[in-house]
Amino acid sequence: MATTASVIESGDQNLDALLSGIRWGTLSLTFSFPESSSHYGSSYVGGEPKNGFLPLNEAQSTAARNIFAMIASFTNLDLTEIQEDENNHADVRLASANISASAWAYYPAEAEYGGDAWFRASSSSFADVRAGSYGFYVFMHEIGHALGMKHGHEPYGFGALAPEQDSMEYSVMTYRSYVGAAGTIMENETWGYAQSLMMYDIAAVQHMYGADFTTNSSNTVYRWNPLTGQQFINGAGQAAPGGNRIFTTIWDGGGIDTYDFSNYTTGLEVDLRPGEWSSLTLAQTAQLGFLRFARGNIANSLLYQGDLRSLIENAIGGSGSDIIIGNMIANVLKGRGGPDRLSGLEGNDTLVGGAGMDTLLGGTGRDVFLFNTRPSRTTNLERLGDFSAVDDTIFLENAVFTKLGMPGRLPTSAFWAGPKAHDLSDRIIYNKVSGTLYYDADGTGQAPQVLIGWLPKGLKITAGDFWIT
């Protein structure tokens, strides 16, 4: 049996609310699925092994293995399955018995019962333990206890979750399905339970066992199926949830990563900031109680000790009217179809509105605004709400704006500030009175100038603010 160690509080109320104060004293732990009550020994303190003992079935064991793998992916824990027998005992053991509650588990302890989890053998709740089910949620909850997490809704120890974060949206260790719920029973719809440990669960386990930044540490693309809720990582399908719901938190160890929602037609709300949510469609949003829906589909993990490597860098919208918000590092935000609103916030961002009447806000930093679709006065224009002539640059796609010349900086002769072109060489015209931006294929020739968007009025911009790509 592994040793244990005490845990000190972090100073974050919501993280600390999940700490029992005890953890395993090693990063190398074993787990098992005992097949006989005799594996627990005759002196086992609890009465569970002698009360209708049953081993977990294969589906239940698989669900538990997936949860252990999930936890290992965002912590420094090495969780290894062993074959349990009378002489070899794992640190964390899972089995069924005739117990009074749906399930319970013991905190880490050097006694033989430490880390053991028990599930009621007669309960139909564990007949289907696919992600999103009550059974899968309970397995995550009890394994959380076995690793040292307590109930988030209970005030003992380091206190309880703040009321506004006391819900399954933030932790699987609370009994409250949604903020303000009574907390006596779970009120979620059948497939509306968390599909992963949530943001404060991840933060709490990382506080105890460290954070693993090797997980998906290359350039990773995350996608979801709009019809099934299945997740794909770099094109590889992950275990599908039991119903078409998405209710999960993402931990990513590093690299240049992308949320790719290009297969969605709904109006998306995508937020790349740590601890924030992205909403894809109400049809895939978990119902946590009567007319109580989760605040989103995908949550971003909190930063571990301020380390920015876990941030998602890029986001790609769908064909609907999307809102996409970046974070504090350099982001590439692509709206694609529909009238989108992109906000880069901090960092040197690249914003690509795509087709549609888009609003682009770079925020602070040296931002790039890419015009790469054919403009239309009624259906496809870009409004650059905070373009800075000091810091920002407009990139113009040569395949669309075909008369600009060779790739590189826009020639000085090709830019003019005024209401219209003043000679044959002018190609980009900025009207500082109205803020309108035009493309003109032949300057003062016969072709009319074409409105391509709007900038703030009165800017002192030059050809140096434009780049042909």
Protein backbone atom coordinates (compact mmCIF):
# COMPACT_ATOMS: atom_id res chain seq x y z
CA MET A 1 0.00 0.00 0.00
CA ALA A 2 1.31 3.44 -0.96
CA THR A 3 2.03 6.06 1.67
CA THR A 4 -0.05 9.20 2.12
CA ALA A 5 0.76 12.87 2.58
CA SER A 6 -1.04 15.98 3.74
CA VAL A 7 -2.22 18.67 1.34
CA ILE A 8 -1.97 22.40 1.92
CA GLU A 9 -4.51 24.82 0.53
CA SER A 10 -3.79 26.77 -2.65
CA GLY A 11 -5.54 30.03 -1.88
CA ASP A 12 -8.17 29.47 -4.58
CA GLN A 13 -11.47 28.89 -2.79
CA ASN A 14 -12.96 26.70 -5.50
CA LEU A 15 -9.89 24.52 -5.85
CA ASP A 16 -9.44 24.22 -2.09
CA ALA A 17 -13.10 23.27 -1.67
CA LEU A 18 -12.30 19.95 -3.35
CA LEU A 19 -9.28 19.05 -1.20
CA SER A 20 -9.81 16.54 1.59
CA GLY A 21 -6.41 17.44 3.04
CA ILE A 22 -4.91 14.03 2.30
CA ARG A 23 -3.39 12.59 -0.87
CA TRP A 24 -1.25 9.68 -1.91
CA GLY A 25 2.41 10.27 -1.13
CA THR A 26 3.66 8.90 -4.44
CA LEU A 27 3.02 9.57 -8.12
CA SER A 28 3.10 5.85 -8.97
CA LEU A 29 -0.21 4.24 -8.09
CA THR A 30 -1.86 0.97 -9.01
CA PHE A 31 -5.53 0.17 -9.51
CA SER A 32 -7.41 -3.08 -9.88
CA PHE A 33 -10.81 -4.71 -10.26
CA PRO A 34 -10.83 -7.54 -7.68
CA GLU A 35 -12.65 -10.67 -8.78
CA SER A 36 -13.14 -12.18 -5.33
CA SER A 37 -14.02 -10.90 -1.87
CA SER A 38 -11.11 -12.95 -0.55
CA HIS A 39 -8.73 -10.41 -2.10
CA TYR A 40 -9.73 -7.98 0.64
CA GLY A 41 -8.60 -10.21 3.51
CA SER A 42 -10.42 -11.29 6.66
CA SER A 43 -9.57 -8.15 8.64
CA TYR A 44 -11.00 -5.63 6.17
CA VAL A 45 -12.52 -2.80 8.23
CA GLY A 46 -15.57 -2.19 6.05
CA GLY A 47 -18.21 -4.86 5.66
CA GLU A 48 -18.51 -4.48 1.90
CA PRO A 49 -16.58 -7.61 0.79
CA LYS A 50 -18.87 -9.81 2.89
CA ASN A 51 -22.08 -8.16 1.71
CA GLY A 52 -22.98 -9.43 -1.74
CA PHE A 53 -19.61 -8.84 -3.36
CA LEU A 54 -19.54 -8.67 -7.16
CA PRO A 55 -16.69 -7.75 -9.47
CA LEU A 56 -17.29 -4.96 -11.95
CA ASN A 57 -18.38 -6.09 -15.38
CA GLU A 58 -16.25 -5.36 -18.44
CA ALA A 59 -18.12 -2.19 -19.44
CA GLN A 60 -17.75 -0.78 -15.94
CA SER A 61 -14.07 -1.69 -15.81
CA THR A 62 -13.54 -0.05 -19.20
CA ALA A 63 -15.24 3.14 -17.99
CA ALA A 64 -12.97 3.19 -14.94
CA ARG A 65 -9.89 2.59 -17.09
CA ASN A 66 -10.89 5.52 -19.29
CA ILE A 67 -11.23 7.74 -16.22
CA PHE A 68 -7.83 6.69 -14.87
CA ALA A 69 -6.32 7.42 -18.30
CA MET A 70 -8.04 10.81 -18.31
CA ILE A 71 -6.62 11.69 -14.90
CA ALA A 72 -3.15 10.50 -15.90
CA SER A 73 -3.37 12.74 -18.98
CA PHE A 74 -3.52 15.95 -16.97
CA THR A 75 -1.47 15.00 -13.90
CA ASN A 76 1.94 13.48 -13.25
CA LEU A 77 0.34 10.36 -11.83
CA ASP A 78 1.43 7.03 -13.26
CA LEU A 79 -1.69 4.88 -12.88
CA THR A 80 -1.07 1.22 -13.63
CA GLU A 81 -3.61 -1.60 -13.62
CA ILE A 82 -2.58 -4.80 -11.85
CA GLN A 83 -4.22 -8.19 -11.44
CA GLU A 84 -5.52 -8.36 -7.88
CA ASP A 85 -5.07 -11.53 -5.81
CA GLU A 86 -4.57 -12.49 -2.16
CA ASN A 87 -0.95 -11.36 -2.24
CA ASN A 88 -1.02 -8.40 -4.63
CA HIS A 89 -3.23 -5.47 -3.70
CA ALA A 90 -3.67 -2.28 -5.67
CA ASP A 91 -3.76 1.17 -4.11
CA VAL A 92 -7.17 1.91 -5.64
CA ARG A 93 -9.65 -0.95 -5.98
CA LEU A 94 -13.13 -0.91 -7.48
CA ALA A 95 -15.89 -3.47 -6.97
CA SER A 96 -19.62 -3.82 -6.26
CA ALA A 97 -21.48 -4.88 -3.12
CA ASN A 98 -24.88 -4.56 -1.47
CA ILE A 99 -24.31 -1.12 0.00
CA SER A 100 -26.94 1.41 1.04
CA ALA A 101 -25.80 4.30 -1.18
CA SER A 102 -25.28 4.31 -4.93
CA ALA A 103 -21.54 4.31 -4.29
CA TRP A 104 -18.85 5.42 -1.91
CA ALA A 105 -15.08 5.49 -1.75
CA TYR A 106 -12.41 5.85 0.91
CA TYR A 107 -9.85 8.64 0.90
CA PRO A 108 -6.17 7.73 0.54
CA ALA A 109 -5.03 5.85 3.65
CA GLU A 110 -2.28 3.44 4.54
CA ALA A 111 -4.88 1.06 5.94
CA GLU A 112 -6.09 -1.69 3.61
CA TYR A 113 -9.35 0.10 2.79
CA GLY A 114 -7.59 3.29 1.63
CA GLY A 115 -8.54 4.20 -1.95
CA ASP A 116 -11.20 1.49 -2.27
CA ALA A 117 -14.41 2.36 -4.14
CA TRP A 118 -17.68 0.49 -3.90
CA PHE A 119 -20.72 0.59 -6.17
CA ARG A 120 -24.18 -0.73 -5.32
CA ALA A 121 -24.55 -4.09 -7.03
CA SER A 122 -28.33 -3.86 -7.38
CA SER A 123 -28.35 -0.38 -8.91
CA SER A 124 -29.53 -0.05 -12.50
CA SER A 125 -27.57 3.22 -12.69
CA PHE A 126 -24.44 1.30 -13.61
CA ALA A 127 -26.01 -0.75 -16.40
CA ASP A 128 -24.80 1.84 -18.93
CA VAL A 129 -21.66 3.75 -18.01
CA ARG A 130 -20.90 5.50 -21.26
CA ALA A 131 -19.70 9.10 -21.01
CA GLY A 132 -22.51 11.48 -20.14
CA SER A 133 -24.44 8.95 -18.05
CA TYR A 134 -25.12 9.08 -14.34
CA GLY A 135 -23.03 5.93 -13.94
CA PHE A 136 -19.97 7.45 -15.61
CA TYR A 137 -20.34 10.57 -13.47
CA VAL A 138 -20.46 8.44 -10.29
CA PHE A 139 -17.32 6.56 -11.32
CA MET A 140 -15.49 9.87 -11.81
CA HIS A 141 -16.81 11.14 -8.47
CA GLU A 142 -15.72 8.08 -6.49
CA ILE A 143 -12.31 7.86 -8.14
CA GLY A 144 -11.95 11.53 -7.21
CA HIS A 145 -12.52 10.57 -3.56
CA ALA A 146 -10.02 7.72 -3.86
CA LEU A 147 -7.38 10.23 -4.97
CA GLY A 148 -8.11 12.70 -2.19
CA MET A 149 -10.97 14.94 -3.33
CA LYS A 150 -13.92 15.75 -1.09
CA HIS A 151 -17.45 16.99 -1.78
CA GLY A 152 -17.34 20.51 -3.12
CA HIS A 153 -20.73 21.49 -1.70
CA GLU A 154 -19.76 20.63 1.89
CA PRO A 155 -18.05 23.33 3.99
CA TYR A 156 -15.73 21.18 6.10
CA GLY A 157 -11.96 21.19 5.60
CA PHE A 158 -10.95 24.15 3.47
CA GLY A 159 -14.56 25.21 2.87
CA ALA A 160 -17.09 24.84 0.06
CA LEU A 161 -17.28 25.96 -3.52
CA ALA A 162 -18.40 29.55 -4.02
CA PRO A 163 -22.17 29.54 -4.66
CA GLU A 164 -21.74 30.76 -8.24
CA GLN A 165 -19.39 27.84 -9.02
CA ASP A 166 -21.17 25.15 -7.01
CA SER A 167 -22.44 23.04 -9.89
CA MET A 168 -21.45 20.14 -12.10
CA GLU A 169 -20.34 22.69 -14.69
CA TYR A 170 -17.30 23.27 -12.49
CA SER A 171 -16.88 20.03 -10.54
CA VAL A 172 -18.10 16.45 -10.50
CA MET A 173 -17.48 16.44 -6.74
CA THR A 174 -20.55 18.51 -5.86
CA TYR A 175 -24.08 17.19 -5.48
CA ARG A 176 -25.52 20.26 -7.20
CA SER A 177 -26.40 19.73 -10.85
CA TYR A 178 -26.63 23.48 -11.45
CA VAL A 179 -26.00 26.68 -9.52
CA GLY A 180 -28.70 27.06 -6.89
CA ALA A 181 -29.89 23.44 -6.96
CA ALA A 182 -30.93 21.86 -3.67
CA GLY A 183 -28.11 19.34 -3.88
CA THR A 184 -30.12 16.44 -2.48
CA ILE A 185 -30.50 14.56 -5.78
CA MET A 186 -28.94 14.96 -9.20
CA GLU A 187 -31.45 16.53 -11.60
CA ASN A 188 -29.66 16.02 -14.92
CA GLU A 189 -31.32 14.51 -17.96
CA THR A 190 -30.32 10.93 -18.85
CA TRP A 191 -27.28 11.89 -20.95
CA GLY A 192 -26.73 15.30 -19.41
CA TYR A 193 -23.94 14.46 -16.94
CA ALA A 194 -20.34 15.61 -17.20
CA GLN A 195 -18.25 13.64 -19.67
CA SER A 196 -14.95 14.49 -17.99
CA LEU A 197 -13.59 15.85 -14.77
CA MET A 198 -14.39 19.55 -14.86
CA MET A 199 -12.16 22.59 -14.48
CA TYR A 200 -11.87 22.72 -10.67
CA ASP A 201 -11.55 18.93 -10.45
CA ILE A 202 -8.61 19.10 -12.84
CA ALA A 203 -7.10 22.00 -10.91
CA ALA A 204 -7.48 20.17 -7.59
CA VAL A 205 -5.91 16.92 -8.79
CA GLN A 206 -3.08 18.90 -10.39
CA HIS A 207 -2.55 20.76 -7.11
CA MET A 208 -2.04 17.40 -5.42
CA TYR A 209 -0.13 15.54 -8.14
CA GLY A 210 1.26 18.12 -10.58
CA ALA A 211 0.30 18.91 -14.17
CA ASP A 212 1.25 16.87 -17.24
CA PHE A 213 2.23 19.15 -20.12
CA THR A 214 3.15 16.25 -22.41
CA THR A 215 -0.49 15.45 -23.21
CA ASN A 216 -1.37 16.57 -26.75
CA SER A 217 1.73 18.76 -26.59
CA SER A 218 2.17 18.93 -30.36
CA ASN A 219 -0.11 20.95 -32.66
CA THR A 220 -3.52 19.49 -31.84
CA VAL A 221 -6.84 19.96 -33.62
CA TYR A 222 -10.04 19.29 -31.67
CA ARG A 223 -13.33 18.67 -33.48
CA TRP A 224 -16.77 17.39 -32.50
CA ASN A 225 -19.53 15.72 -34.49
CA PRO A 226 -22.70 17.88 -34.60
CA LEU A 227 -24.90 14.77 -34.83
CA THR A 228 -23.36 12.47 -32.21
CA GLY A 229 -21.21 14.63 -29.93
CA GLN A 230 -18.18 12.43 -30.57
CA GLN A 231 -14.83 14.16 -30.15
CA PHE A 232 -11.97 13.85 -32.64
CA ILE A 233 -8.35 14.67 -31.79
CA ASN A 234 -6.18 15.15 -34.87
CA GLY A 235 -8.79 13.19 -36.78
CA ALA A 236 -8.87 10.21 -34.40
CA GLY A 237 -12.30 9.49 -32.94
CA GLN A 238 -12.53 9.27 -29.17
CA ALA A 239 -15.05 7.18 -27.22
CA ALA A 240 -18.50 8.43 -28.21
CA PRO A 241 -20.84 9.69 -25.47
CA GLY A 242 -24.06 7.83 -24.79
CA GLY A 243 -26.22 10.63 -26.21
CA ASN A 244 -25.72 13.59 -28.51
CA ARG A 245 -24.45 15.89 -25.81
CA ILE A 246 -21.11 17.67 -25.33
CA PHE A 247 -20.29 18.55 -21.71
CA THR A 248 -16.56 18.40 -21.14
CA THR A 249 -13.41 20.25 -20.11
CA ILE A 250 -10.28 20.25 -22.28
CA TRP A 251 -6.72 19.98 -20.97
CA ASP A 252 -3.99 20.46 -23.56
CA GLY A 253 -0.29 20.30 -22.73
CA GLY A 254 1.20 22.55 -25.39
CA GLY A 255 1.74 23.18 -29.08
CA ILE A 256 -0.30 25.39 -31.41
CA ASP A 257 -3.80 24.05 -30.91
CA THR A 258 -7.11 24.61 -32.66
CA TYR A 259 -10.79 24.24 -31.94
CA ASP A 260 -12.19 23.47 -35.39
CA PHE A 261 -15.96 23.98 -35.55
CA SER A 262 -16.12 24.31 -39.33
CA ASN A 263 -18.68 21.51 -39.56
CA TYR A 264 -21.26 23.47 -37.50
CA THR A 265 -24.05 25.55 -39.03
CA THR A 266 -25.35 27.02 -35.77
CA GLY A 267 -24.32 30.35 -34.28
CA LEU A 268 -21.31 29.52 -32.12
CA GLU A 269 -20.00 31.29 -29.04
CA VAL A 270 -16.33 30.32 -28.73
CA ASP A 271 -14.11 31.58 -25.92
CA LEU A 272 -10.45 30.58 -25.65
CA ARG A 273 -9.78 32.13 -22.25
CA PRO A 274 -8.90 29.77 -19.38
CA GLY A 275 -11.94 28.76 -17.37
CA GLU A 276 -14.38 29.96 -20.04
CA TRP A 277 -16.93 28.07 -22.11
CA SER A 278 -17.72 27.54 -25.77
CA SER A 279 -21.34 26.94 -26.80
CA LEU A 280 -21.96 25.09 -30.04
CA THR A 281 -25.68 24.33 -30.20
CA LEU A 282 -28.56 23.99 -27.76
CA ALA A 283 -29.26 20.56 -29.25
CA GLN A 284 -25.98 19.29 -27.76
CA THR A 285 -26.17 21.21 -24.48
CA ALA A 286 -26.71 19.17 -21.32
CA GLN A 287 -29.92 19.82 -19.42
CA LEU A 288 -28.96 19.92 -15.75
CA GLY A 289 -32.48 20.31 -14.41
CA PHE A 290 -35.92 21.47 -15.53
CA LEU A 291 -35.20 24.24 -18.07
CA ARG A 292 -31.67 24.46 -16.65
CA PHE A 293 -29.04 24.08 -19.33
CA ALA A 294 -25.28 23.95 -18.91
CA ARG A 295 -23.57 27.24 -19.63
CA GLY A 296 -21.78 25.71 -22.57
CA ASN A 297 -20.50 22.57 -24.21
CA ILE A 298 -16.72 22.83 -23.88
CA ALA A 299 -14.83 24.41 -20.99
CA ASN A 300 -11.16 25.34 -21.05
CA SER A 301 -9.03 24.17 -18.15
CA LEU A 302 -7.69 26.70 -15.69
CA LEU A 303 -4.01 27.59 -15.92
CA TYR A 304 -1.69 25.54 -13.74
CA GLN A 305 0.49 27.97 -11.78
CA GLY A 306 0.09 30.56 -14.54
CA ASP A 307 1.64 28.33 -17.22
CA LEU A 308 0.29 29.39 -20.63
CA ARG A 309 1.12 26.14 -22.41
CA SER A 310 -2.34 24.69 -21.77
CA LEU A 311 -4.11 27.47 -23.67
CA ILE A 312 -5.85 26.79 -26.97
CA GLU A 313 -4.40 29.17 -29.55
CA ASN A 314 -6.76 29.07 -32.53
CA ALA A 315 -10.44 28.71 -33.38
CA ILE A 316 -12.33 28.12 -36.62
CA GLY A 317 -16.01 29.01 -36.80
CA GLY A 318 -18.78 27.47 -38.86
CA SER A 319 -21.25 28.77 -41.42
CA GLY A 320 -23.49 30.53 -38.90
CA SER A 321 -23.27 33.82 -37.05
CA ASP A 322 -20.39 33.20 -34.66
CA ILE A 323 -18.79 35.03 -31.75
CA ILE A 324 -15.16 34.03 -31.24
CA ILE A 325 -13.03 35.40 -28.40
CA GLY A 326 -9.30 34.85 -28.08
CA ASN A 327 -7.09 34.94 -25.01
CA MET A 328 -3.84 36.48 -23.77
CA ILE A 329 -1.54 34.92 -26.36
CA ALA A 330 -1.33 35.07 -30.16
CA ASN A 331 -4.51 33.64 -31.65
CA VAL A 332 -5.67 32.85 -35.17
CA LEU A 333 -9.44 33.32 -35.28
CA LYS A 334 -11.37 32.38 -38.43
CA GLY A 335 -15.05 33.17 -38.72
CA ARG A 336 -15.71 31.47 -42.08
CA GLY A 337 -19.33 31.87 -43.28
CA GLY A 338 -21.98 34.05 -41.70
CA PRO A 339 -21.83 37.44 -40.00
CA ASP A 340 -19.20 36.85 -37.33
CA ARG A 341 -17.70 38.86 -34.50
CA LEU A 342 -14.06 38.09 -33.69
CA SER A 343 -12.19 39.53 -30.70
CA GLY A 344 -8.50 38.79 -30.32
CA LEU A 345 -8.06 40.46 -26.92
CA GLU A 346 -4.37 40.37 -25.92
CA GLY A 347 -1.50 39.05 -28.01
CA ASN A 348 -0.48 39.42 -31.65
CA ASP A 349 -3.57 37.96 -33.27
CA THR A 350 -4.63 37.11 -36.81
CA LEU A 351 -8.32 37.65 -37.54
CA VAL A 352 -9.96 36.23 -40.65
CA GLY A 353 -13.62 37.09 -41.00
CA GLY A 354 -14.24 34.97 -44.07
CA ALA A 355 -17.53 35.32 -45.92
CA GLY A 356 -20.23 37.46 -44.30
CA MET A 357 -20.65 40.89 -42.74
CA ASP A 358 -18.03 40.54 -40.03
CA THR A 359 -16.80 42.66 -37.13
CA LEU A 360 -13.13 42.21 -36.22
CA LEU A 361 -11.57 43.50 -33.01
CA GLY A 362 -7.89 42.82 -32.57
CA GLY A 363 -7.53 44.14 -29.03
CA THR A 364 -4.06 44.92 -27.76
CA GLY A 365 -0.97 43.68 -29.56
CA ARG A 366 0.24 43.81 -33.16
CA ASP A 367 -2.70 42.26 -34.97
CA VAL A 368 -3.22 41.11 -38.55
CA PHE A 369 -6.57 41.35 -40.34
CA LEU A 370 -6.79 39.10 -43.40
CA PHE A 371 -9.17 39.88 -46.27
CA ASN A 372 -9.37 36.67 -48.30
CA THR A 373 -12.91 36.50 -49.73
CA ARG A 374 -14.53 38.40 -52.57
CA PRO A 375 -16.29 41.48 -51.14
CA SER A 376 -19.98 42.20 -51.60
CA ARG A 377 -21.66 45.41 -50.50
CA THR A 378 -24.68 43.48 -49.21
CA THR A 379 -23.27 40.16 -48.01
CA ASN A 380 -19.51 40.26 -47.44
CA LEU A 381 -17.74 43.22 -45.84
CA GLU A 382 -15.35 43.54 -42.90
CA ARG A 383 -15.61 46.12 -40.13
CA LEU A 384 -12.32 46.59 -38.27
CA GLY A 385 -13.51 48.15 -35.05
CA ASP A 386 -10.17 48.97 -33.43
CA PHE A 387 -7.57 48.98 -36.21
CA SER A 388 -4.40 50.78 -35.12
CA ALA A 389 -2.18 52.40 -37.73
CA VAL A 390 0.70 52.09 -35.26
CA ASP A 391 0.46 48.39 -34.47
CA ASP A 392 -1.81 46.55 -36.89
CA THR A 393 -1.59 45.34 -40.50
CA ILE A 394 -4.17 44.44 -43.14
CA PHE A 395 -3.31 41.43 -45.30
CA LEU A 396 -4.95 41.29 -48.75
CA GLU A 397 -5.25 37.97 -50.58
CA ASN A 398 -3.75 38.33 -54.05
CA ALA A 399 -6.05 35.68 -55.49
CA VAL A 400 -9.04 37.88 -54.58
CA PHE A 401 -7.59 41.34 -55.13
CA THR A 402 -5.82 40.44 -58.34
CA LYS A 403 -4.44 43.84 -59.39
CA LEU A 404 -2.38 44.64 -56.30
CA GLY A 405 0.93 43.39 -57.62
CA MET A 406 3.50 40.98 -56.25
CA PRO A 407 3.30 39.62 -52.67
CA GLY A 408 4.86 41.88 -50.08
CA ARG A 409 4.25 45.39 -48.82
CA LEU A 410 1.68 47.35 -50.78
CA PRO A 411 3.58 49.81 -53.01
CA THR A 412 3.37 53.40 -51.87
CA SER A 413 1.89 54.38 -55.22
CA ALA A 414 -0.97 51.89 -54.78
CA PHE A 415 -2.46 53.60 -51.71
CA TRP A 416 -4.46 56.78 -51.53
CA ALA A 417 -6.21 58.52 -48.64
CA GLY A 418 -9.30 60.23 -49.95
CA PRO A 419 -12.83 59.58 -51.16
CA LYS A 420 -11.67 58.01 -54.46
CA ALA A 421 -8.59 57.17 -56.52
CA HIS A 422 -6.51 60.08 -57.77
CA ASP A 423 -4.45 58.31 -60.46
CA LEU A 424 -4.22 55.04 -62.38
CA SER A 425 -1.87 53.36 -59.88
CA ASP A 426 -4.19 53.61 -56.86
CA ARG A 427 -5.54 50.26 -55.66
CA ILE A 428 -6.45 50.70 -51.99
CA ILE A 429 -8.37 53.84 -51.01
CA TYR A 430 -9.15 54.89 -47.46
CA ASN A 431 -11.65 57.66 -46.78
CA LYS A 432 -10.66 58.99 -43.37
CA VAL A 433 -13.88 61.03 -43.11
CA SER A 434 -16.21 58.04 -43.43
CA GLY A 435 -13.76 55.27 -42.50
CA THR A 436 -14.60 53.36 -45.69
CA LEU A 437 -11.96 51.17 -47.32
CA TYR A 438 -12.07 50.45 -51.06
CA TYR A 439 -10.32 48.29 -53.62
CA ASP A 440 -9.94 49.73 -57.11
CA ALA A 441 -8.61 47.46 -59.84
CA ASP A 442 -7.51 50.30 -62.14
CA GLY A 443 -7.42 53.53 -60.12
CA THR A 444 -8.97 56.33 -62.16
CA GLY A 445 -9.75 53.90 -64.98
CA GLN A 446 -13.17 52.60 -65.97
CA ALA A 447 -13.62 49.94 -63.26
CA PRO A 448 -15.56 51.19 -60.21
CA GLN A 449 -13.99 51.11 -56.77
CA VAL A 450 -15.36 48.33 -54.56
CA LEU A 451 -16.18 48.76 -50.89
CA ILE A 452 -14.35 46.08 -48.87
CA GLY A 453 -14.92 47.30 -45.32
CA TRP A 454 -14.70 49.97 -42.69
CA LEU A 455 -11.92 51.21 -40.43
CA PRO A 456 -12.14 53.74 -37.61
CA LYS A 457 -12.39 57.28 -38.94
CA GLY A 458 -9.45 59.67 -39.04
CA LEU A 459 -6.60 57.16 -39.07
CA LYS A 460 -3.18 58.19 -40.35
CA ILE A 461 -2.60 55.04 -42.34
CA THR A 462 -0.21 54.52 -45.24
CA ALA A 463 0.66 51.84 -47.77
CA GLY A 464 2.90 50.37 -45.07
CA ASP A 465 -0.20 49.23 -43.18
CA PHE A 466 -1.10 46.79 -45.99
CA TRP A 467 0.53 43.55 -47.09
CA ILE A 468 -0.18 41.57 -50.24
CA THR A 469 -0.24 37.84 -49.57
